[in-house]
């Protein structure tokens, strides 16, 4: 985080943010009960289970509550 942030929603916050680390967990659920039937690691996913390709970090504005990708806050902080 060496780039300045600014909230694209409230447009005034440049200092108060929550950094949310995303830790994906690949699982297979029972369709009736919702219980976890099987857990997968990234090297042993079955053919019908795509690996997580989303961002590792999300940012929440601590003033208005907006949650977006880090790139969104960084890009808006450049201006």
C-alpha atoms as a PDB file:
ATOM      1  CA  UNK A   1       0.000   0.000   0.000  1.00  0.00           C
ATOM      2  CA  UNK A   2       2.389   2.689  -1.163  1.00  0.00           C
ATOM      3  CA  UNK A   3      -0.201   4.602  -3.144  1.00  0.00           C
ATOM      4  CA  UNK A   4      -2.699   7.137  -1.780  1.00  0.00           C
ATOM      5  CA  UNK A   5      -6.362   6.120  -1.555  1.00  0.00           C
ATOM      6  CA  UNK A   6      -9.518   8.181  -1.857  1.00  0.00           C
ATOM      7  CA  UNK A   7     -13.087   6.917  -1.584  1.00  0.00           C
ATOM      8  CA  UNK A   8     -14.925   7.089  -4.920  1.00  0.00           C
ATOM      9  CA  UNK A   9     -18.278   7.241  -3.115  1.00  0.00           C
ATOM     10  CA  UNK A  10     -17.952   9.917  -0.436  1.00  0.00           C
ATOM     11  CA  UNK A  11     -15.022  11.596  -2.286  1.00  0.00           C
ATOM     12  CA  UNK A  12     -13.589  13.164   0.886  1.00  0.00           C
ATOM     13  CA  UNK A  13     -12.048  10.275   2.832  1.00  0.00           C
ATOM     14  CA  UNK A  14      -8.322   9.903   2.196  1.00  0.00           C
ATOM     15  CA  UNK A  15      -7.241   8.527   5.575  1.00  0.00           C
ATOM     16  CA  UNK A  16      -9.640   5.970   7.138  1.00  0.00           C
ATOM     17  CA  UNK A  17      -9.912   2.565   5.481  1.00  0.00           C
ATOM     18  CA  UNK A  18     -10.350  -1.088   6.408  1.00  0.00           C
ATOM     19  CA  UNK A  19      -8.171  -3.558   4.499  1.00  0.00           C
ATOM     20  CA  UNK A  20      -9.941  -6.885   3.941  1.00  0.00           C
ATOM     21  CA  UNK A  21      -7.762  -9.886   3.045  1.00  0.00           C
ATOM     22  CA  UNK A  22      -9.628 -12.449   0.992  1.00  0.00           C
ATOM     23  CA  UNK A  23      -8.742 -16.061   1.754  1.00  0.00           C
ATOM     24  CA  UNK A  24     -10.681 -18.349  -0.584  1.00  0.00           C
ATOM     25  CA  UNK A  25     -11.583 -21.836   0.608  1.00  0.00           C
ATOM     26  CA  UNK A  26     -12.654 -24.294  -2.095  1.00  0.00           C
ATOM     27  CA  UNK A  27     -15.442 -26.565  -0.828  1.00  0.00           C
ATOM     28  CA  UNK A  28     -18.179 -28.846  -2.080  1.00  0.00           C
ATOM     29  CA  UNK A  29     -21.523 -28.493  -0.263  1.00  0.00           C
ATOM     30  CA  UNK A  30     -24.407 -30.871   0.255  1.00  0.00           C
ATOM     31  CA  UNK A  31     -27.254 -29.306  -1.804  1.00  0.00           C
ATOM     32  CA  UNK A  32     -29.963 -30.210   0.732  1.00  0.00           C
ATOM     33  CA  UNK A  33     -28.277 -29.360   4.057  1.00  0.00           C
ATOM     34  CA  UNK A  34     -25.578 -26.898   2.992  1.00  0.00           C
ATOM     35  CA  UNK A  35     -22.964 -28.817   5.009  1.00  0.00           C
ATOM     36  CA  UNK A  36     -19.397 -29.044   3.704  1.00  0.00           C
ATOM     37  CA  UNK A  37     -18.930 -32.445   2.053  1.00  0.00           C
ATOM     38  CA  UNK A  38     -15.386 -31.958   0.774  1.00  0.00           C
ATOM     39  CA  UNK A  39     -12.608 -29.362   0.956  1.00  0.00           C
ATOM     40  CA  UNK A  40     -10.132 -28.864  -1.868  1.00  0.00           C
ATOM     41  CA  UNK A  41      -6.663 -27.372  -2.069  1.00  0.00           C
ATOM     42  CA  UNK A  42      -5.724 -25.334  -5.140  1.00  0.00           C
ATOM     43  CA  UNK A  43      -3.624 -28.201  -6.546  1.00  0.00           C
ATOM     44  CA  UNK A  44      -6.367 -30.823  -6.229  1.00  0.00           C
ATOM     45  CA  UNK A  45      -9.502 -29.109  -7.563  1.00  0.00           C
ATOM     46  CA  UNK A  46     -11.860 -31.392  -9.462  1.00  0.00           C
ATOM     47  CA  UNK A  47     -12.531 -30.666 -13.177  1.00  0.00           C
ATOM     48  CA  UNK A  48     -15.799 -28.798 -12.438  1.00  0.00           C
ATOM     49  CA  UNK A  49     -14.351 -26.517  -9.741  1.00  0.00           C
ATOM     50  CA  UNK A  50     -12.682 -23.336 -11.033  1.00  0.00           C
ATOM     51  CA  UNK A  51      -9.985 -21.751  -8.852  1.00  0.00           C
ATOM     52  CA  UNK A  52     -10.658 -18.338  -7.269  1.00  0.00           C
ATOM     53  CA  UNK A  53      -9.465 -15.554  -9.546  1.00  0.00           C
ATOM     54  CA  UNK A  54     -10.633 -12.507  -7.604  1.00  0.00           C
ATOM     55  CA  UNK A  55      -8.559  -9.882  -5.820  1.00  0.00           C
ATOM     56  CA  UNK A  56      -6.532 -10.796  -2.737  1.00  0.00           C
ATOM     57  CA  UNK A  57      -7.345  -7.482  -1.094  1.00  0.00           C
ATOM     58  CA  UNK A  58     -10.523  -5.428  -0.826  1.00  0.00           C
ATOM     59  CA  UNK A  59     -10.765  -1.979   0.736  1.00  0.00           C
ATOM     60  CA  UNK A  60     -13.653  -0.560   2.779  1.00  0.00           C
ATOM     61  CA  UNK A  61     -14.084   3.151   3.324  1.00  0.00           C
ATOM     62  CA  UNK A  62     -14.323   3.637   7.092  1.00  0.00           C
ATOM     63  CA  UNK A  63     -16.408   6.792   6.588  1.00  0.00           C
ATOM     64  CA  UNK A  64     -19.223   5.611   4.278  1.00  0.00           C
ATOM     65  CA  UNK A  65     -18.766   1.806   4.227  1.00  0.00           C
ATOM     66  CA  UNK A  66     -18.173   1.288   0.488  1.00  0.00           C
ATOM     67  CA  UNK A  67     -16.281  -1.963  -0.264  1.00  0.00           C
ATOM     68  CA  UNK A  68     -14.374  -2.189  -3.581  1.00  0.00           C
ATOM     69  CA  UNK A  69     -11.183  -3.569  -5.083  1.00  0.00           C
ATOM     70  CA  UNK A  70      -7.973  -1.872  -3.979  1.00  0.00           C
ATOM     71  CA  UNK A  71      -7.396  -0.654  -7.555  1.00  0.00           C
ATOM     72  CA  UNK A  72     -10.588   1.431  -7.437  1.00  0.00           C
ATOM     73  CA  UNK A  73      -9.495   3.361  -4.334  1.00  0.00           C
ATOM     74  CA  UNK A  74      -5.916   3.734  -5.626  1.00  0.00           C
ATOM     75  CA  UNK A  75      -7.032   5.018  -9.036  1.00  0.00           C
ATOM     76  CA  UNK A  76      -9.381   7.557  -7.439  1.00  0.00           C
ATOM     77  CA  UNK A  77      -6.576   8.609  -5.054  1.00  0.00           C
ATOM     78  CA  UNK A  78      -4.363   9.624  -7.986  1.00  0.00           C
ATOM     79  CA  UNK A  79      -6.586  12.602  -8.801  1.00  0.00           C
END
